[in-house]
Protein backbone atom coordinates (compact mmCIF):
# COMPACT_ATOMS: atom_id res chain seq x y z
CA MET A 1 35.22 8.85 -24.74
CA ASP A 2 38.34 9.41 -23.35
CA THR A 3 39.42 12.41 -20.89
CA GLU A 4 40.55 14.56 -23.44
CA ALA A 5 37.39 14.45 -25.36
CA PHE A 6 35.36 14.76 -22.22
CA ARG A 7 37.23 18.14 -21.15
CA ASP A 8 36.54 19.60 -24.79
CA LEU A 9 32.65 19.05 -23.55
CA LEU A 10 33.33 21.52 -20.81
CA THR A 11 34.90 24.13 -23.03
CA PRO A 12 32.28 27.22 -24.22
CA LEU A 13 32.01 25.22 -27.89
CA GLY A 14 31.51 21.80 -26.04
CA ARG A 15 28.71 23.50 -23.43
CA ASP A 16 27.27 25.21 -26.69
CA LEU A 17 26.84 21.82 -28.34
CA LEU A 18 25.30 20.10 -25.36
CA ALA A 19 22.67 23.06 -25.35
CA GLU A 20 21.75 22.93 -28.69
CA ALA A 21 21.50 19.17 -28.95
CA ASP A 22 19.46 18.68 -26.01
CA GLY A 23 15.96 18.06 -27.25
CA ALA A 24 17.37 16.74 -30.30
CA ASP A 25 16.09 12.93 -31.59
CA LEU A 26 18.39 10.59 -29.64
CA THR A 27 16.72 7.63 -30.57
CA GLU A 28 17.91 4.87 -32.63
CA ALA A 29 16.01 5.49 -35.41
CA GLY A 30 17.09 9.48 -35.43
CA LEU A 31 20.51 9.52 -33.75
CA LEU A 32 22.23 9.44 -37.15
CA ALA A 33 20.37 12.20 -38.67
CA THR A 34 21.17 14.26 -35.76
CA ALA A 35 24.77 13.39 -35.49
CA THR A 36 25.07 14.37 -39.17
CA ARG A 37 23.49 17.51 -38.69
CA LEU A 38 25.52 18.63 -35.85
CA ARG A 39 28.92 17.65 -37.39
CA GLY A 40 28.06 20.32 -40.36
CA ARG A 41 28.75 23.31 -37.31
CA TYR A 42 30.77 21.02 -34.84
CA PRO A 43 33.87 18.65 -34.48
CA ALA A 44 32.73 15.13 -35.14
CA ASP A 45 34.55 13.81 -32.18
CA LEU A 46 33.15 16.52 -30.02
CA VAL A 47 29.23 15.60 -31.66
CA ASN A 48 29.84 11.69 -30.75
CA ALA A 49 31.03 12.76 -27.16
CA ALA A 50 28.02 15.34 -26.71
CA LEU A 51 25.59 12.40 -27.86
CA THR A 52 26.68 10.23 -25.75
CA GLN A 53 26.36 12.36 -22.70
CA LEU A 54 23.18 13.37 -23.41
CA ARG A 55 21.94 9.62 -23.95
CA LEU A 56 23.53 9.17 -20.29
CA ARG A 57 21.56 12.10 -18.79
CA ASP A 58 18.35 10.55 -20.40
CA ARG A 59 19.11 7.38 -18.76
CA GLY A 60 20.15 8.90 -15.58
CA ARG A 61 16.63 10.78 -14.97
CA ALA A 62 15.40 7.46 -13.28
CA LYS A 63 18.47 8.13 -10.63
CA PHE A 64 18.78 11.88 -10.46
CA GLY A 65 15.35 13.65 -11.89
CA ASP A 66 15.60 16.73 -13.30
CA ASP A 67 18.97 17.33 -12.13
CA ALA A 68 20.62 14.30 -14.58
CA SER A 69 19.89 17.51 -17.19
CA ARG A 70 23.14 19.21 -15.93
CA MET A 71 25.28 16.22 -14.62
CA PHE A 72 27.82 14.29 -16.38
CA PHE A 73 28.07 10.53 -16.48
CA THR A 74 30.01 7.51 -18.04
CA PRO A 75 28.19 4.53 -18.43
CA ALA A 76 30.05 2.49 -15.16
CA GLY A 77 29.64 5.47 -13.24
CA LEU A 78 25.79 5.87 -14.09
CA GLU A 79 25.40 2.29 -13.30
CA GLN A 80 26.86 2.09 -9.84
CA SER A 81 26.11 5.67 -8.92
CA THR A 82 23.82 6.36 -5.71
CA ARG A 83 20.51 7.60 -6.50
CA ALA A 84 20.27 11.69 -5.35
CA GLY A 85 17.34 10.65 -2.94
CA VAL A 86 19.41 7.64 -1.07
CA ALA A 87 22.51 9.73 -0.83
CA SER A 88 20.89 12.75 0.47
CA TYR A 89 19.31 10.63 3.24
CA ARG A 90 22.59 8.92 3.61
CA ALA A 91 24.32 12.62 3.75
CA ARG A 92 22.01 13.80 6.65
CA ARG A 93 23.53 10.96 8.64
CA PHE A 94 27.17 12.42 8.23
CA ALA A 95 25.84 15.59 8.84
CA GLY A 96 24.92 14.47 12.34
CA LEU A 97 27.71 13.73 13.46
CA PRO A 98 28.73 15.35 16.40
CA LYS A 99 31.90 16.90 14.74
CA ILE A 100 32.15 17.28 11.07
CA HIS A 101 35.47 16.60 10.10
CA ARG A 102 36.62 15.94 5.90
CA THR A 103 35.21 12.54 4.90
CA LEU A 104 37.66 10.77 2.51
CA GLU A 105 35.56 8.86 0.12
CA VAL A 106 37.24 5.76 -1.53
CA GLY A 107 36.00 5.05 -5.19
CA CYS A 108 33.75 8.42 -5.58
CA GLY A 109 32.51 7.31 -8.88
CA ILE A 110 30.78 10.02 -10.72
CA GLY A 111 30.38 12.28 -7.25
CA ALA A 112 26.71 11.26 -6.61
CA ASP A 113 27.83 10.88 -2.90
CA LEU A 114 30.53 13.52 -2.55
CA VAL A 115 28.00 15.99 -3.83
CA ALA A 116 25.02 15.10 -1.43
CA ARG A 117 27.30 15.74 1.61
CA ALA A 118 28.82 18.56 0.15
CA MET A 119 25.12 20.04 0.04
CA ALA A 120 24.35 18.84 3.42
CA GLY A 121 27.70 20.87 4.77
CA VAL A 122 30.30 17.95 5.02
CA PRO A 123 33.32 18.50 3.51
CA GLY A 124 35.36 15.89 1.77
CA ASP A 125 38.02 14.42 -0.56
CA GLY A 126 37.16 12.11 -3.30
CA VAL A 127 39.42 9.80 -4.80
CA GLU A 128 38.52 7.82 -8.10
CA LEU A 129 40.89 4.86 -9.59
CA ASP A 130 39.56 5.96 -13.18
CA PRO A 131 40.92 9.29 -14.53
CA LEU A 132 38.05 9.63 -16.92
CA THR A 133 35.61 9.07 -13.80
CA ALA A 134 37.47 11.42 -11.76
CA GLU A 135 37.18 13.86 -14.52
CA VAL A 136 33.55 13.51 -14.37
CA ALA A 137 33.24 13.67 -10.59
CA ARG A 138 34.83 17.21 -10.68
CA ALA A 139 32.31 18.45 -13.26
CA ASN A 140 29.63 17.63 -11.14
CA LEU A 141 30.84 19.01 -7.95
CA ALA A 142 31.08 22.05 -10.35
CA ALA A 143 27.40 21.72 -11.68
CA PHE A 144 25.94 21.76 -8.13
CA GLY A 145 28.32 24.59 -6.83
CA VAL A 146 29.98 22.68 -4.29
CA GLU A 147 33.59 22.42 -5.55
CA GLY A 148 34.77 24.76 -2.50
CA THR A 149 33.34 22.09 -0.18
CA ALA A 150 34.54 18.62 -1.65
CA SER A 151 37.49 17.79 -4.17
CA VAL A 152 37.88 14.83 -6.30
CA ARG A 153 41.27 13.37 -7.25
CA ALA A 154 42.50 10.44 -9.61
CA GLY A 155 44.20 7.67 -7.58
CA ASP A 156 44.16 4.63 -5.41
CA GLY A 157 41.70 5.57 -2.62
CA THR A 158 43.02 2.63 -0.31
CA ALA A 159 46.92 4.16 -0.79
CA VAL A 160 45.56 7.17 1.18
CA ASP A 161 46.31 7.41 4.61
CA PRO A 162 42.69 7.74 6.11
CA SER A 163 43.67 8.83 9.85
CA GLY A 164 43.53 12.56 9.02
CA TYR A 165 40.08 12.19 8.35
CA GLY A 166 37.17 12.06 10.41
CA ALA A 167 35.18 9.60 8.41
CA VAL A 168 35.35 7.32 5.40
CA PHE A 169 33.11 6.51 2.98
CA ALA A 170 33.56 3.63 0.33
CA ASP A 171 31.73 2.53 -2.40
CA PRO A 172 33.47 -0.58 -3.78
CA GLY A 173 33.22 -2.03 -7.36
CA ARG A 174 30.47 -4.73 -7.43
CA ARG A 175 30.52 -5.53 -11.24
CA THR A 176 33.01 -6.94 -13.59
CA ALA A 177 33.10 -7.86 -17.30
CA ARG A 178 30.96 -11.02 -16.57
CA GLY A 179 28.50 -9.39 -14.27
CA ARG A 180 27.28 -8.55 -10.66
CA VAL A 181 30.01 -9.62 -7.95
CA PHE A 182 28.13 -10.99 -4.73
CA ASP A 183 31.20 -12.04 -2.63
CA PRO A 184 32.30 -9.43 -0.59
CA ARG A 185 35.93 -10.49 -0.61
CA ALA A 186 35.87 -10.18 -4.68
CA TYR A 187 34.88 -6.36 -4.53
CA GLU A 188 37.01 -3.86 -5.95
CA PRO A 189 38.51 -2.68 -3.40
CA PRO A 190 37.59 -6.07 -1.49
CA LEU A 191 35.31 -5.27 1.72
CA ASP A 192 38.25 -6.50 4.19
CA VAL A 193 40.64 -3.80 2.77
CA VAL A 194 37.88 -1.13 3.25
CA LEU A 195 36.93 -2.13 6.64
CA GLY A 196 40.30 -2.18 7.67
CA MET A 197 40.84 1.51 6.48
CA ALA A 198 37.47 2.05 8.47
CA GLU A 199 39.11 1.15 11.77
CA SER A 200 41.65 4.30 11.53
CA VAL A 201 38.97 6.66 11.58
CA PRO A 202 35.99 7.58 14.27
CA ALA A 203 33.25 6.89 12.04
CA ALA A 204 32.80 5.16 8.22
CA CYS A 205 30.02 3.95 5.97
CA VAL A 206 30.69 1.45 3.40
CA LYS A 207 28.08 0.92 0.32
CA VAL A 208 27.57 -2.88 -0.29
CA ALA A 209 25.30 -5.19 -2.32
CA PRO A 210 21.94 -5.65 -0.88
CA GLY A 211 22.82 -9.48 -1.13
CA ILE A 212 25.58 -9.24 1.38
CA PRO A 213 25.40 -12.25 3.83
CA HIS A 214 24.54 -11.33 7.41
CA GLU A 215 27.33 -13.41 8.34
CA ALA A 216 29.60 -10.74 6.61
CA VAL A 217 28.38 -7.61 8.49
CA PRO A 218 31.47 -7.20 11.01
CA ASP A 219 30.76 -7.15 14.91
CA GLY A 220 29.68 -3.55 16.35
CA ALA A 221 28.22 -2.24 12.77
CA GLU A 222 25.04 -1.58 11.79
CA ALA A 223 23.55 -2.93 8.13
CA GLU A 224 20.85 -0.92 6.70
CA TRP A 225 18.84 -2.27 3.41
CA ILE A 226 17.09 0.33 1.56
CA SER A 227 14.30 0.28 -1.26
CA VAL A 228 13.11 3.04 -3.52
CA GLY A 229 9.36 2.90 -4.30
CA GLY A 230 9.56 -1.08 -3.36
CA ASP A 231 12.47 -2.48 -4.98
CA VAL A 232 15.59 -2.94 -2.87
CA LYS A 233 18.23 -0.76 -4.22
CA GLU A 234 21.28 -0.77 -1.97
CA ALA A 235 22.80 -1.82 1.66
CA ALA A 236 25.04 0.15 3.71
CA LEU A 237 27.30 -0.96 7.03
CA TRP A 238 27.60 2.10 9.23
CA LEU A 239 30.41 1.83 11.55
CA GLY A 240 31.99 3.69 14.53
CA ASP A 241 30.22 6.97 15.37
CA LEU A 242 27.74 6.47 12.69
CA ALA A 243 26.42 3.20 13.80
CA GLY A 244 23.20 3.59 15.40
CA THR A 245 22.38 1.06 18.55
CA VAL A 246 20.72 -1.63 16.19
CA ARG A 247 22.64 -4.28 14.36
CA ARG A 248 20.20 -4.02 11.22
CA ARG A 249 17.78 -1.90 9.40
CA ALA A 250 15.12 -1.32 6.50
CA THR A 251 14.70 2.03 5.35
CA LEU A 252 11.93 2.63 2.52
CA ILE A 253 12.29 5.81 0.39
CA PRO A 254 9.28 6.57 -1.75
CA SER A 255 9.63 7.05 -5.53
CA ALA A 256 8.75 10.77 -5.37
CA LEU A 257 11.99 11.30 -3.00
CA GLY A 258 14.09 8.82 -4.99
CA SER A 259 15.71 10.61 -7.33
CA ALA A 260 16.04 14.49 -6.35
CA TYR A 261 18.77 15.78 -4.04
CA ALA A 262 17.46 17.41 -1.00
CA THR A 263 18.62 19.06 2.38
CA ALA A 264 15.58 18.88 4.53
CA PRO A 265 15.87 16.54 7.32
CA THR A 266 12.21 15.25 6.90
CA ASP A 267 11.44 14.81 3.45
CA ALA A 268 7.94 15.00 2.41
CA ALA A 269 6.60 15.30 -1.67
CA GLY A 270 3.18 14.99 -1.93
CA GLY A 271 2.49 13.03 1.49
CA ALA A 272 5.46 10.43 1.11
CA GLU A 273 7.97 10.01 3.84
CA ILE A 274 11.07 8.00 4.68
CA VAL A 275 10.13 5.62 7.02
CA THR A 276 12.62 2.89 9.02
CA LEU A 277 12.20 -0.34 10.71
CA VAL A 278 14.28 -1.85 13.38
CA PRO A 279 13.99 -5.20 15.36
CA ASP A 280 11.99 -5.87 18.14
CA GLU A 281 14.24 -7.77 19.97
CA GLY A 282 11.23 -8.83 22.37
CA LEU A 283 9.53 -10.95 19.37
CA GLY A 284 10.22 -14.45 18.54
CA GLU A 285 9.88 -16.39 15.41
CA PRO A 286 6.34 -15.44 13.65
CA ASP A 287 3.54 -17.82 14.09
CA VAL A 288 2.76 -20.26 11.37
CA ARG A 289 -1.07 -20.22 10.34
CA GLY A 290 -3.44 -21.36 7.66
CA TRP A 291 -4.68 -18.80 5.41
CA GLY A 292 -6.59 -15.69 6.62
CA ARG A 293 -8.45 -12.89 4.34
CA TYR A 294 -5.39 -10.56 3.66
CA LEU A 295 -2.34 -11.53 2.41
CA TYR A 296 0.91 -9.04 3.55
CA GLU A 297 4.00 -9.13 0.81
CA PRO A 298 6.78 -7.08 3.07
CA ASP A 299 9.04 -4.67 1.54
CA GLY A 300 12.33 -6.31 -0.20
CA ALA A 301 14.30 -4.04 2.53
CA VAL A 302 12.42 -5.98 5.49
CA ILE A 303 13.11 -9.12 3.97
CA ARG A 304 16.78 -8.53 3.51
CA ALA A 305 17.13 -7.11 6.90
CA HIS A 306 15.49 -10.17 8.67
CA LEU A 307 12.52 -8.01 9.94
CA VAL A 308 9.40 -10.02 8.60
CA ALA A 309 8.50 -11.11 12.35
CA GLU A 310 8.14 -7.05 13.10
CA VAL A 311 5.80 -6.89 10.20
CA ALA A 312 3.98 -9.88 10.92
CA ALA A 313 3.17 -8.56 14.73
CA MET A 314 2.25 -5.26 13.19
CA VAL A 315 -0.65 -6.60 11.29
CA GLY A 316 -1.70 -9.04 13.72
CA GLY A 317 -0.35 -12.22 11.25
CA GLY A 318 1.75 -15.10 10.79
CA LEU A 319 3.55 -16.82 8.20
CA VAL A 320 1.79 -19.26 5.75
CA ASP A 321 5.18 -21.15 5.54
CA PRO A 322 8.10 -20.76 7.57
CA ARG A 323 10.53 -20.74 4.46
CA ILE A 324 8.41 -18.21 3.04
CA ALA A 325 7.90 -14.05 3.68
CA TYR A 326 4.42 -13.88 2.93
CA ILE A 327 2.02 -13.03 5.94
CA THR A 328 -1.76 -13.50 6.34
CA SER A 329 -4.29 -12.30 8.73
CA ASP A 330 -7.76 -11.70 9.29
CA THR A 331 -7.27 -7.92 9.79
CA LEU A 332 -6.64 -5.01 7.20
CA THR A 333 -3.64 -2.95 8.85
CA LYS A 334 -2.22 0.04 6.83
CA THR A 335 1.80 -0.39 7.15
CA PRO A 336 4.20 1.00 4.65
CA PHE A 337 6.28 -1.96 5.07
CA GLY A 338 4.36 -4.23 2.72
CA ALA A 339 1.76 -4.45 0.24
CA SER A 340 -1.94 -5.84 1.10
CA TYR A 341 -4.01 -7.90 -0.91
CA GLU A 342 -7.40 -9.31 -0.33
CA ILE A 343 -7.62 -12.98 -0.80
CA GLU A 344 -10.34 -14.04 -3.08
CA ASP A 345 -9.47 -17.57 -3.48
CA VAL A 346 -6.74 -20.06 -2.89
CA MET A 347 -6.37 -23.49 -4.63
CA PRO A 348 -3.59 -25.98 -5.50
CA PHE A 349 -1.14 -24.81 -8.36
CA SER A 350 -2.85 -26.46 -12.03
CA VAL A 351 -2.73 -24.72 -14.59
CA LYS A 352 -5.69 -25.98 -16.51
CA ARG A 353 -7.90 -24.99 -13.48
CA LEU A 354 -6.08 -21.40 -13.23
CA ARG A 355 -7.01 -21.16 -16.87
CA ALA A 356 -10.38 -21.98 -16.66
CA GLU A 357 -10.78 -19.49 -13.35
CA LEU A 358 -9.49 -16.56 -15.12
CA ARG A 359 -11.52 -17.09 -17.93
CA ARG A 360 -14.71 -17.43 -15.73
CA ARG A 361 -13.79 -14.27 -13.86
CA GLY A 362 -13.59 -12.24 -17.45
CA THR A 363 -9.77 -11.32 -16.49
CA GLY A 364 -8.24 -8.89 -18.76
CA ILE A 365 -5.26 -7.71 -16.83
CA LEU A 366 -3.17 -10.43 -15.09
CA THR A 367 -0.48 -9.41 -12.38
CA ILE A 368 1.95 -12.59 -11.26
CA LYS A 369 3.82 -12.32 -8.47
CA LYS A 370 5.56 -15.26 -6.79
CA ARG A 371 8.00 -16.24 -3.91
CA GLY A 372 9.19 -19.72 -3.04
CA PHE A 373 7.72 -21.28 -6.51
CA ALA A 374 10.40 -22.53 -9.24
CA GLY A 375 8.05 -22.20 -12.30
CA ASP A 376 8.91 -19.50 -14.96
CA VAL A 377 6.30 -16.48 -14.66
CA GLU A 378 6.83 -15.73 -18.59
CA ARG A 379 5.88 -19.28 -19.73
CA LEU A 380 3.33 -19.59 -17.31
CA ARG A 381 1.80 -16.04 -18.44
CA ARG A 382 1.76 -17.49 -22.05
CA ASP A 383 0.10 -20.58 -20.89
CA LEU A 384 -2.45 -18.96 -19.31
CA GLY A 385 -3.19 -17.16 -22.25
CA PHE A 386 -1.83 -13.81 -21.39
CA GLY A 387 1.62 -13.75 -22.96
CA GLY A 388 0.53 -11.69 -26.12
CA ARG A 389 -0.35 -7.89 -26.49
CA ARG A 390 -3.92 -9.20 -26.63
CA PRO A 391 -4.66 -12.03 -23.80
CA ALA A 392 -7.01 -14.32 -24.53
CA GLY A 393 -9.14 -13.29 -21.25
CA SER A 394 -11.45 -11.06 -23.14
CA GLY A 395 -12.77 -9.39 -20.24
CA THR A 396 -11.75 -6.08 -18.07
CA GLY A 397 -11.37 -7.63 -15.01
CA GLU A 398 -7.98 -7.37 -12.89
CA VAL A 399 -6.49 -10.01 -10.77
CA VAL A 400 -3.08 -10.34 -8.71
CA LEU A 401 -2.06 -14.11 -8.99
CA VAL A 402 0.28 -15.01 -6.35
CA LEU A 403 2.43 -17.96 -6.76
CA THR A 404 3.68 -19.93 -3.48
CA ARG A 405 4.51 -22.89 -1.61
CA VAL A 406 2.63 -24.30 1.93
CA GLY A 407 4.97 -27.25 2.60
CA ASP A 408 6.00 -29.00 -0.54
CA ASP A 409 2.92 -28.17 -2.25
CA PRO A 410 2.63 -25.47 -4.79
CA VAL A 411 -0.32 -22.93 -4.26
CA ALA A 412 -2.17 -20.43 -6.34
CA VAL A 413 -3.82 -17.38 -4.54
CA LEU A 414 -6.20 -15.16 -6.40
CA ALA A 415 -6.46 -11.99 -5.04
CA HIS A 416 -6.74 -8.13 -5.64
CA PRO A 417 -5.08 -4.96 -4.06
CA ALA A 418 -6.42 -4.00 -0.45
C-alpha cells in the first residue's frame, strides 16, 4: 500500500468500504471470496488497501484493544508501536513535568505515543521518516480527535533543532530485514545520536530494546523495564527532568490495562493495578540456599532491571544458584513481582525418570519452564510423551516442570501454582 492508496481509504468511499468490509471473512480461506464480492462495488486497489487495513486492525487488538477498530496501521508500524496501556502510563510522566512545553517525537511511527501524550494534555510534534507511516499517524491523531494538540510531518527527525522544545521522545527503529537489532549503535537513528539531541532539552525519554546492556545506560539516566501481563515488552531511558532519583526500575502493567488508552493517574481494572519496583540500596547480594517449600519466578522486567535481590528479600528467600534467577523460600508471600509455585519434588534431570514420574502422577497437562537449562523444550515435551494433541499421559493432573541447574548439575523441579 502506497501513500495515495492510503489517502483513498480516508475518503467517504474508502470509509464506506471499511465499514462494509468490517466483520467479513478475512481468514486465508475466506479472503478471496470477500475480495471478489467487494470488487463488484469498489475499485480493486481500494478493496486491497481496505482488506489489508482490516487485517492489521485485527492484529492490532493485542496492543490497542477495541481502539484498534478505528486506528490505521502499516505492518512495520504496528510491529514497533507501543501498546496503548504502556503509552498512557508513559504519557502521564510527561504530563507531570512542572511546566509542559511541546514535545518533539523523533520517529513517531503510527503515532501511538503521540496520541497518548495528546490525550494526557501534552502537546507535541511527531516527525516520521517514512511518508506513508506519517500519513497513518496523522489519521490516528484525527481518529482520537487530538489533531489540535499534536501534529505529524514527514522528514528526518534528527535534522530538527530540538532546542525550541521542552522535551524529546524518541523511538528508534530496532528491526532490519535481517531481524531485531540489539546493538544500540545500530538503532535507526543510533542511540548516541538521539542522546545528543536530548542534551539540548530539559527532559527526554528514549524507547529502547529490553535487552539493552546496563553499561549502555548513560550517567544520570533512569532505565525502566516494562512488562505487560508478565511478558517484558520494552524499556525506556528517562533523562533530565523526567529522570527519577533511582537509576533503574521495573514496572509491571497487568494484561487488563496493557491494551487500552487511559488518562487516569491510577488505573484499575478488575482490581488490577500498575506496580513498580526500585532498588533497595541497603541490600547486598541475595543468599544462596537449598530448596525450600516454594519456588518464585521473578517477572522478566525485574530480572532485566537487576532487582531479583529485592524480590528475594520480600519473600524471605534466596537463590538456588547465584547465576539463576529462581528464588526459593519456606514461606508463601504474595507479591506481584513474581509467580509462586509449591514444590512437590526435586530430582536430578533424567528423561526416563521424569517420564515415569509424570505417568505415575497421572499427569494430563504439563507446563514446562526453564532457566539456565540448555535442552530444547519442545523436543523434551515429545520425549516425555506430551508432544502430540493427545499426550501419552492419560490422567487429568496438572504439573509445572521447572528445568534449571544448581552448579553444573541439571535439575528438574515438579511443582504446582501456589
